[in-house]
Amino acid sequence: MKQILRVEGVTKRFGGILALYRVDLHVEEKEILGLIGPNGSGKTTLINVITGVYTPNEGEVIYNEENLVGLSPHQIADMGIVRTFQLTRPFGNLSVIDNVIVGSLLKSNNIREAREKSIETLEMVGLGDHLDVLSKDLTTGNRKRLELARALTMEPSLMLLDESLAGLTSEEMRENLALLKKIRRERGISMIVVEHVVKAVMDISDRIVVLDAGEKIADGDPRSIANNEKVIEVYLGKVI
């Protein structure tokens, strides 16, 4: 399987604080990669390096054989890497459909095409009957779906999801996991899923990378990660 993303020897410092140290990872086409670790382990910092928010002190980020280091977040998004955030940031006084059209217009100047694509995407994520609802009036679960829809209209080949399950009920969590699998199946999008809900990560991921104190300590399939003694010691606390 083709590797669409390679992170090679990435180190990131903030003054005297070493946030990442020589981190390597890769993502294959249509793969869902889980990224887990304790608070402060460097997960979000790594996402910020990949998306151009931070420039690494050392190392490279290679996407489809192009080095992303030094590019702006906007340039990287245009290349096909988009992200969602733990705290959703919709335009509260705009309708659901208008929120998504704003994203669609970054890829198309045709308002009719943007609207059609937005409706199609909202139907896919289960918000087809919420088009005219103000985004500020959505439930937490539906705001997460709106965030996904806005990301999808950017036509990504790689999505980085930062705690997309945070604040959801058990039922909403199951529904959103099924939705992520559907997106991968129907659109062939690769994903990096940063999540603290370990059982959810185990369920959805093809492979999992574990960070601790800025270093990668494990990389493998969910079963091997769940039984990895070092991962159990620093993060899981027990065999899943």
C-alpha atoms as a PDB file:
ATOM      1  CA  MET A   1       0.000   0.000   0.000  1.00  0.00           C
ATOM      2  CA  LYS A   2       1.285   3.480  -0.866  1.00  0.00           C
ATOM      3  CA  GLN A   3       2.402   5.705   1.990  1.00  0.00           C
ATOM      4  CA  ILE A   4       0.835   9.140   1.529  1.00  0.00           C
ATOM      5  CA  LEU A   5       2.426  10.717   4.611  1.00  0.00           C
ATOM      6  CA  ARG A   6       5.808  10.204   6.256  1.00  0.00           C
ATOM      7  CA  VAL A   7       6.979  11.999   9.370  1.00  0.00           C
ATOM      8  CA  GLU A   8      10.729  11.509   9.624  1.00  0.00           C
ATOM      9  CA  GLY A   9      12.792  12.364  12.703  1.00  0.00           C
ATOM     10  CA  VAL A  10      10.624  15.297  13.770  1.00  0.00           C
ATOM     11  CA  THR A  11      11.821  17.240  16.807  1.00  0.00           C
ATOM     12  CA  LYS A  12      10.020  20.293  18.175  1.00  0.00           C
ATOM     13  CA  ARG A  13      11.232  22.503  21.007  1.00  0.00           C
ATOM     14  CA  PHE A  14       9.522  25.396  22.741  1.00  0.00           C
ATOM     15  CA  GLY A  15      12.382  27.206  24.446  1.00  0.00           C
ATOM     16  CA  GLY A  16      13.810  24.664  26.861  1.00  0.00           C
ATOM     17  CA  ILE A  17      10.831  22.323  26.540  1.00  0.00           C
ATOM     18  CA  LEU A  18      11.238  19.322  24.244  1.00  0.00           C
ATOM     19  CA  ALA A  19       7.736  18.625  22.924  1.00  0.00           C
ATOM     20  CA  LEU A  20       8.680  16.059  20.240  1.00  0.00           C
ATOM     21  CA  TYR A  21      11.892  14.110  19.858  1.00  0.00           C
ATOM     22  CA  ARG A  22      12.810  12.306  16.649  1.00  0.00           C
ATOM     23  CA  VAL A  23       9.287  11.111  15.952  1.00  0.00           C
ATOM     24  CA  ASP A  24       8.735   8.859  12.936  1.00  0.00           C
ATOM     25  CA  LEU A  25       5.390   7.687  11.610  1.00  0.00           C
ATOM     26  CA  HIS A  26       3.637   7.037   8.324  1.00  0.00           C
ATOM     27  CA  VAL A  27       0.086   6.827   7.005  1.00  0.00           C
ATOM     28  CA  GLU A  28      -0.957   4.626   4.113  1.00  0.00           C
ATOM     29  CA  GLU A  29      -3.683   5.214   1.560  1.00  0.00           C
ATOM     30  CA  LYS A  30      -7.149   4.632   3.058  1.00  0.00           C
ATOM     31  CA  GLU A  31      -5.629   3.841   6.456  1.00  0.00           C
ATOM     32  CA  ILE A  32      -7.048   4.996   9.776  1.00  0.00           C
ATOM     33  CA  LEU A  33      -4.130   5.596  12.126  1.00  0.00           C
ATOM     34  CA  GLY A  34      -4.850   6.075  15.819  1.00  0.00           C
ATOM     35  CA  LEU A  35      -2.595   8.455  17.739  1.00  0.00           C
ATOM     36  CA  ILE A  36      -2.744   8.061  21.512  1.00  0.00           C
ATOM     37  CA  GLY A  37      -0.753   8.886  24.623  1.00  0.00           C
ATOM     38  CA  PRO A  38      -0.995  10.647  27.993  1.00  0.00           C
ATOM     39  CA  ASN A  39      -1.774  14.341  28.295  1.00  0.00           C
ATOM     40  CA  GLY A  40       1.303  16.311  27.276  1.00  0.00           C
ATOM     41  CA  SER A  41       2.720  13.468  25.202  1.00  0.00           C
ATOM     42  CA  GLY A  42       2.927  15.611  22.046  1.00  0.00           C
ATOM     43  CA  LYS A  43      -0.098  14.456  20.056  1.00  0.00           C
ATOM     44  CA  THR A  44      -1.543  17.867  19.232  1.00  0.00           C
ATOM     45  CA  THR A  45       1.941  19.322  18.731  1.00  0.00           C
ATOM     46  CA  LEU A  46       2.558  16.637  16.113  1.00  0.00           C
ATOM     47  CA  ILE A  47      -0.744  17.451  14.398  1.00  0.00           C
ATOM     48  CA  ASN A  48       0.265  21.116  14.391  1.00  0.00           C
ATOM     49  CA  VAL A  49       3.622  20.259  12.819  1.00  0.00           C
ATOM     50  CA  ILE A  50       1.975  18.181  10.086  1.00  0.00           C
ATOM     51  CA  THR A  51      -0.525  20.941   9.274  1.00  0.00           C
ATOM     52  CA  GLY A  52       2.037  23.748   9.238  1.00  0.00           C
ATOM     53  CA  VAL A  53       1.005  25.536  12.429  1.00  0.00           C
ATOM     54  CA  TYR A  54       4.453  24.773  13.865  1.00  0.00           C
ATOM     55  CA  THR A  55       7.734  24.363  12.025  1.00  0.00           C
ATOM     56  CA  PRO A  56       9.847  21.500  13.412  1.00  0.00           C
ATOM     57  CA  ASN A  57      13.358  22.201  14.661  1.00  0.00           C
ATOM     58  CA  GLU A  58      14.498  19.015  12.960  1.00  0.00           C
ATOM     59  CA  GLY A  59      13.029  16.426  10.621  1.00  0.00           C
ATOM     60  CA  GLU A  60      10.754  16.318   7.609  1.00  0.00           C
ATOM     61  CA  VAL A  61       7.061  15.875   6.853  1.00  0.00           C
ATOM     62  CA  ILE A  62       6.615  14.269   3.438  1.00  0.00           C
ATOM     63  CA  TYR A  63       3.172  14.187   1.817  1.00  0.00           C
ATOM     64  CA  ASN A  64       2.854  12.499  -1.559  1.00  0.00           C
ATOM     65  CA  GLU A  65       6.633  12.882  -1.907  1.00  0.00           C
ATOM     66  CA  GLU A  66       6.566  16.645  -1.222  1.00  0.00           C
ATOM     67  CA  ASN A  67       8.184  18.162   1.866  1.00  0.00           C
ATOM     68  CA  LEU A  68       5.642  20.220   3.830  1.00  0.00           C
ATOM     69  CA  VAL A  69       8.107  21.869   6.205  1.00  0.00           C
ATOM     70  CA  GLY A  70       7.987  25.625   5.737  1.00  0.00           C
ATOM     71  CA  LEU A  71       4.582  25.667   4.033  1.00  0.00           C
ATOM     72  CA  SER A  72       1.659  27.567   5.534  1.00  0.00           C
ATOM     73  CA  PRO A  73      -1.445  25.820   6.911  1.00  0.00           C
ATOM     74  CA  HIS A  74      -3.417  27.228   3.967  1.00  0.00           C
ATOM     75  CA  GLN A  75      -0.987  25.756   1.437  1.00  0.00           C
ATOM     76  CA  ILE A  76      -1.054  22.388   3.172  1.00  0.00           C
ATOM     77  CA  ALA A  77      -4.855  22.371   3.246  1.00  0.00           C
ATOM     78  CA  ASP A  78      -4.914  23.128  -0.472  1.00  0.00           C
ATOM     79  CA  MET A  79      -2.695  20.080  -1.011  1.00  0.00           C
ATOM     80  CA  GLY A  80      -5.270  17.797   0.608  1.00  0.00           C
ATOM     81  CA  ILE A  81      -4.564  17.672   4.363  1.00  0.00           C
ATOM     82  CA  VAL A  82      -7.359  19.042   6.542  1.00  0.00           C
ATOM     83  CA  ARG A  83      -8.049  18.858  10.250  1.00  0.00           C
ATOM     84  CA  THR A  84     -10.887  19.095  12.716  1.00  0.00           C
ATOM     85  CA  PHE A  85     -10.655  20.467  16.248  1.00  0.00           C
ATOM     86  CA  GLN A  86     -11.752  19.206  19.653  1.00  0.00           C
ATOM     87  CA  LEU A  87     -13.572  22.498  20.204  1.00  0.00           C
ATOM     88  CA  THR A  88     -15.766  22.993  17.159  1.00  0.00           C
ATOM     89  CA  ARG A  89     -15.728  26.464  15.645  1.00  0.00           C
ATOM     90  CA  PRO A  90     -18.768  26.940  13.415  1.00  0.00           C
ATOM     91  CA  PHE A  91     -20.148  30.347  12.494  1.00  0.00           C
ATOM     92  CA  GLY A  92     -22.883  30.276  15.134  1.00  0.00           C
ATOM     93  CA  ASN A  93     -25.267  32.712  13.485  1.00  0.00           C
ATOM     94  CA  LEU A  94     -25.038  31.049  10.087  1.00  0.00           C
ATOM     95  CA  SER A  95     -27.178  28.092   9.084  1.00  0.00           C
ATOM     96  CA  VAL A  96     -25.686  24.639   8.766  1.00  0.00           C
ATOM     97  CA  ILE A  97     -25.761  24.799   4.964  1.00  0.00           C
ATOM     98  CA  ASP A  98     -24.127  28.260   4.895  1.00  0.00           C
ATOM     99  CA  ASN A  99     -21.342  27.049   7.198  1.00  0.00           C
ATOM    100  CA  VAL A 100     -20.498  24.304   4.754  1.00  0.00           C
ATOM    101  CA  ILE A 101     -20.857  26.493   1.664  1.00  0.00           C
ATOM    102  CA  VAL A 102     -18.159  28.785   3.104  1.00  0.00           C
ATOM    103  CA  GLY A 103     -15.793  25.812   3.078  1.00  0.00           C
ATOM    104  CA  SER A 104     -16.924  24.686  -0.362  1.00  0.00           C
ATOM    105  CA  LEU A 105     -16.140  28.079  -1.858  1.00  0.00           C
ATOM    106  CA  LEU A 106     -12.487  27.564  -1.021  1.00  0.00           C
ATOM    107  CA  LYS A 107     -12.504  24.912  -3.750  1.00  0.00           C
ATOM    108  CA  SER A 108     -15.044  26.388  -6.157  1.00  0.00           C
ATOM    109  CA  ASN A 109     -16.095  29.911  -7.134  1.00  0.00           C
ATOM    110  CA  ASN A 110     -19.440  28.653  -8.403  1.00  0.00           C
ATOM    111  CA  ILE A 111     -22.049  29.181  -5.687  1.00  0.00           C
ATOM    112  CA  ARG A 112     -24.456  26.679  -7.231  1.00  0.00           C
ATOM    113  CA  GLU A 113     -21.799  23.969  -7.343  1.00  0.00           C
ATOM    114  CA  ALA A 114     -20.728  24.828  -3.805  1.00  0.00           C
ATOM    115  CA  ARG A 115     -24.306  24.529  -2.554  1.00  0.00           C
ATOM    116  CA  GLU A 116     -24.885  21.216  -4.320  1.00  0.00           C
ATOM    117  CA  LYS A 117     -21.649  19.779  -2.928  1.00  0.00           C
ATOM    118  CA  SER A 118     -22.514  21.062   0.538  1.00  0.00           C
ATOM    119  CA  ILE A 119     -25.959  19.453   0.496  1.00  0.00           C
ATOM    120  CA  GLU A 120     -24.492  16.157  -0.689  1.00  0.00           C
ATOM    121  CA  THR A 121     -21.880  16.237   2.056  1.00  0.00           C
ATOM    122  CA  LEU A 122     -24.388  17.141   4.779  1.00  0.00           C
ATOM    123  CA  GLU A 123     -26.622  14.279   3.699  1.00  0.00           C
ATOM    124  CA  MET A 124     -23.636  11.957   3.919  1.00  0.00           C
ATOM    125  CA  VAL A 125     -22.864  12.953   7.526  1.00  0.00           C
ATOM    126  CA  GLY A 126     -26.515  12.765   8.590  1.00  0.00           C
ATOM    127  CA  LEU A 127     -27.366  16.467   8.656  1.00  0.00           C
ATOM    128  CA  GLY A 128     -29.481  16.558   5.512  1.00  0.00           C
ATOM    129  CA  ASP A 129     -32.553  17.558   7.537  1.00  0.00           C
ATOM    130  CA  HIS A 130     -30.704  20.329   9.424  1.00  0.00           C
ATOM    131  CA  LEU A 131     -29.753  22.564   6.486  1.00  0.00           C
ATOM    132  CA  ASP A 132     -31.492  25.694   7.749  1.00  0.00           C
ATOM    133  CA  VAL A 133     -30.786  25.219  11.459  1.00  0.00           C
ATOM    134  CA  LEU A 134     -28.443  27.798  12.987  1.00  0.00           C
ATOM    135  CA  SER A 135     -25.214  26.059  13.886  1.00  0.00           C
ATOM    136  CA  LYS A 136     -25.309  27.520  17.417  1.00  0.00           C
ATOM    137  CA  ASP A 137     -28.511  25.533  18.011  1.00  0.00           C
ATOM    138  CA  LEU A 138     -27.012  22.135  17.145  1.00  0.00           C
ATOM    139  CA  THR A 139     -26.314  19.449  19.727  1.00  0.00           C
ATOM    140  CA  THR A 140     -22.687  18.631  20.500  1.00  0.00           C
ATOM    141  CA  GLY A 141     -22.926  15.506  18.370  1.00  0.00           C
ATOM    142  CA  ASN A 142     -24.295  17.386  15.391  1.00  0.00           C
ATOM    143  CA  ARG A 143     -21.693  20.143  15.744  1.00  0.00           C
ATOM    144  CA  LYS A 144     -19.068  17.401  15.412  1.00  0.00           C
ATOM    145  CA  ARG A 145     -20.800  16.207  12.230  1.00  0.00           C
ATOM    146  CA  LEU A 146     -20.863  19.756  10.896  1.00  0.00           C
ATOM    147  CA  GLU A 147     -17.134  20.025  11.558  1.00  0.00           C
ATOM    148  CA  LEU A 148     -16.628  16.826   9.549  1.00  0.00           C
ATOM    149  CA  ALA A 149     -18.800  18.131   6.717  1.00  0.00           C
ATOM    150  CA  ARG A 150     -16.803  21.359   6.510  1.00  0.00           C
ATOM    151  CA  ALA A 151     -13.585  19.361   6.357  1.00  0.00           C
ATOM    152  CA  LEU A 152     -14.947  17.047   3.662  1.00  0.00           C
ATOM    153  CA  THR A 153     -15.866  19.916   1.351  1.00  0.00           C
ATOM    154  CA  MET A 154     -12.132  20.703   1.184  1.00  0.00           C
ATOM    155  CA  GLU A 155     -11.787  17.410  -0.746  1.00  0.00           C
ATOM    156  CA  PRO A 156      -9.008  15.987   1.435  1.00  0.00           C
ATOM    157  CA  SER A 157      -7.076  12.795   0.946  1.00  0.00           C
ATOM    158  CA  LEU A 158      -5.921  12.936   4.591  1.00  0.00           C
ATOM    159  CA  MET A 159      -7.967  14.136   7.562  1.00  0.00           C
ATOM    160  CA  LEU A 160      -6.520  14.760  11.013  1.00  0.00           C
ATOM    161  CA  LEU A 161      -9.193  14.432  13.682  1.00  0.00           C
ATOM    162  CA  ASP A 162      -8.279  15.919  17.065  1.00  0.00           C
ATOM    163  CA  GLU A 163     -10.543  14.344  19.708  1.00  0.00           C
ATOM    164  CA  SER A 164     -13.575  14.251  17.431  1.00  0.00           C
ATOM    165  CA  LEU A 165     -15.444  12.109  19.997  1.00  0.00           C
ATOM    166  CA  ALA A 166     -14.947  14.438  22.977  1.00  0.00           C
ATOM    167  CA  GLY A 167     -18.189  15.340  24.754  1.00  0.00           C
ATOM    168  CA  LEU A 168     -20.329  12.770  22.946  1.00  0.00           C
ATOM    169  CA  THR A 169     -22.721  10.292  24.509  1.00  0.00           C
ATOM    170  CA  SER A 170     -22.039   6.584  24.055  1.00  0.00           C
ATOM    171  CA  GLU A 171     -24.645   6.397  21.298  1.00  0.00           C
ATOM    172  CA  GLU A 172     -23.294   9.474  19.502  1.00  0.00           C
ATOM    173  CA  MET A 173     -19.816   7.989  19.772  1.00  0.00           C
ATOM    174  CA  ARG A 174     -20.923   4.749  18.105  1.00  0.00           C
ATOM    175  CA  GLU A 175     -22.673   6.708  15.355  1.00  0.00           C
ATOM    176  CA  ASN A 176     -19.662   8.921  14.683  1.00  0.00           C
ATOM    177  CA  LEU A 177     -17.283   5.954  14.570  1.00  0.00           C
ATOM    178  CA  ALA A 178     -19.558   4.335  11.996  1.00  0.00           C
ATOM    179  CA  LEU A 179     -19.584   7.617  10.060  1.00  0.00           C
ATOM    180  CA  LEU A 180     -15.768   7.775   9.970  1.00  0.00           C
ATOM    181  CA  LYS A 181     -15.643   4.229   8.637  1.00  0.00           C
ATOM    182  CA  LYS A 182     -18.232   5.171   6.005  1.00  0.00           C
ATOM    183  CA  ILE A 183     -16.173   8.202   4.941  1.00  0.00           C
ATOM    184  CA  ARG A 184     -13.086   6.043   4.555  1.00  0.00           C
ATOM    185  CA  ARG A 185     -15.027   3.382   2.641  1.00  0.00           C
ATOM    186  CA  GLU A 186     -16.896   5.716   0.272  1.00  0.00           C
ATOM    187  CA  ARG A 187     -14.320   8.468  -0.268  1.00  0.00           C
ATOM    188  CA  GLY A 188     -11.057   6.616   0.324  1.00  0.00           C
ATOM    189  CA  ILE A 189      -9.814   9.237   2.776  1.00  0.00           C
ATOM    190  CA  SER A 190      -6.937   8.374   5.095  1.00  0.00           C
ATOM    191  CA  MET A 191      -7.192   9.584   8.697  1.00  0.00           C
ATOM    192  CA  ILE A 192      -5.117  10.247  11.775  1.00  0.00           C
ATOM    193  CA  VAL A 193      -7.412   9.986  14.788  1.00  0.00           C
ATOM    194  CA  VAL A 194      -6.196  11.607  18.029  1.00  0.00           C
ATOM    195  CA  GLU A 195      -8.408  10.347  20.808  1.00  0.00           C
ATOM    196  CA  HIS A 196      -8.486   9.684  24.561  1.00  0.00           C
ATOM    197  CA  VAL A 197     -11.349   7.178  24.357  1.00  0.00           C
ATOM    198  CA  VAL A 198      -9.081   4.165  24.062  1.00  0.00           C
ATOM    199  CA  LYS A 199     -11.728   1.570  23.224  1.00  0.00           C
ATOM    200  CA  ALA A 200     -12.992   3.786  20.411  1.00  0.00           C
ATOM    201  CA  VAL A 201      -9.469   4.108  19.001  1.00  0.00           C
ATOM    202  CA  MET A 202      -9.014   0.348  19.223  1.00  0.00           C
ATOM    203  CA  ASP A 203     -12.277  -0.160  17.360  1.00  0.00           C
ATOM    204  CA  ILE A 204     -11.680   2.201  14.464  1.00  0.00           C
ATOM    205  CA  SER A 205      -7.909   2.092  13.866  1.00  0.00           C
ATOM    206  CA  ASP A 206      -6.043  -0.139  11.470  1.00  0.00           C
ATOM    207  CA  ARG A 207      -2.853   0.758  13.316  1.00  0.00           C
ATOM    208  CA  ILE A 208      -1.962   2.808  16.389  1.00  0.00           C
ATOM    209  CA  VAL A 209       1.034   4.983  17.265  1.00  0.00           C
ATOM    210  CA  VAL A 210       1.663   5.769  20.933  1.00  0.00           C
ATOM    211  CA  LEU A 211       3.542   8.856  22.148  1.00  0.00           C
ATOM    212  CA  ASP A 212       4.912   9.476  25.619  1.00  0.00           C
ATOM    213  CA  ALA A 213       6.818  12.601  26.663  1.00  0.00           C
ATOM    214  CA  GLY A 214       7.297  13.550  23.017  1.00  0.00           C
ATOM    215  CA  GLU A 215       8.715  10.210  21.873  1.00  0.00           C
ATOM    216  CA  LYS A 216       7.142   7.346  19.968  1.00  0.00           C
ATOM    217  CA  ILE A 217       7.065   4.287  22.222  1.00  0.00           C
ATOM    218  CA  ALA A 218       4.938   1.914  20.139  1.00  0.00           C
ATOM    219  CA  ASP A 219       3.535   1.400  16.639  1.00  0.00           C
ATOM    220  CA  GLY A 220       1.354  -1.568  15.716  1.00  0.00           C
ATOM    221  CA  ASP A 221      -2.082  -3.075  15.265  1.00  0.00           C
ATOM    222  CA  PRO A 222      -4.643  -2.518  18.043  1.00  0.00           C
ATOM    223  CA  ARG A 223      -4.188  -5.966  19.599  1.00  0.00           C
ATOM    224  CA  SER A 224      -0.424  -5.597  19.894  1.00  0.00           C
ATOM    225  CA  ILE A 225      -0.785  -2.082  21.342  1.00  0.00           C
ATOM    226  CA  ALA A 226      -3.342  -3.260  23.900  1.00  0.00           C
ATOM    227  CA  ASN A 227      -0.867  -5.899  25.097  1.00  0.00           C
ATOM    228  CA  ASN A 228       2.297  -3.799  24.901  1.00  0.00           C
ATOM    229  CA  GLU A 229       3.814  -3.706  28.407  1.00  0.00           C
ATOM    230  CA  LYS A 230       5.297  -0.228  28.031  1.00  0.00           C
ATOM    231  CA  VAL A 231       2.029   1.213  26.702  1.00  0.00           C
ATOM    232  CA  ILE A 232       0.142  -0.403  29.573  1.00  0.00           C
ATOM    233  CA  GLU A 233       2.603   1.051  32.048  1.00  0.00           C
ATOM    234  CA  VAL A 234       2.584   4.650  30.814  1.00  0.00           C
ATOM    235  CA  TYR A 235      -0.967   4.995  29.471  1.00  0.00           C
ATOM    236  CA  LEU A 236      -3.489   2.163  29.493  1.00  0.00           C
ATOM    237  CA  GLY A 237      -2.966   0.923  33.031  1.00  0.00           C
ATOM    238  CA  LYS A 238      -4.346  -2.513  32.164  1.00  0.00           C
ATOM    239  CA  VAL A 239      -4.811  -4.841  29.210  1.00  0.00           C
ATOM    240  CA  ILE A 240      -7.831  -3.765  27.161  1.00  0.00           C
END
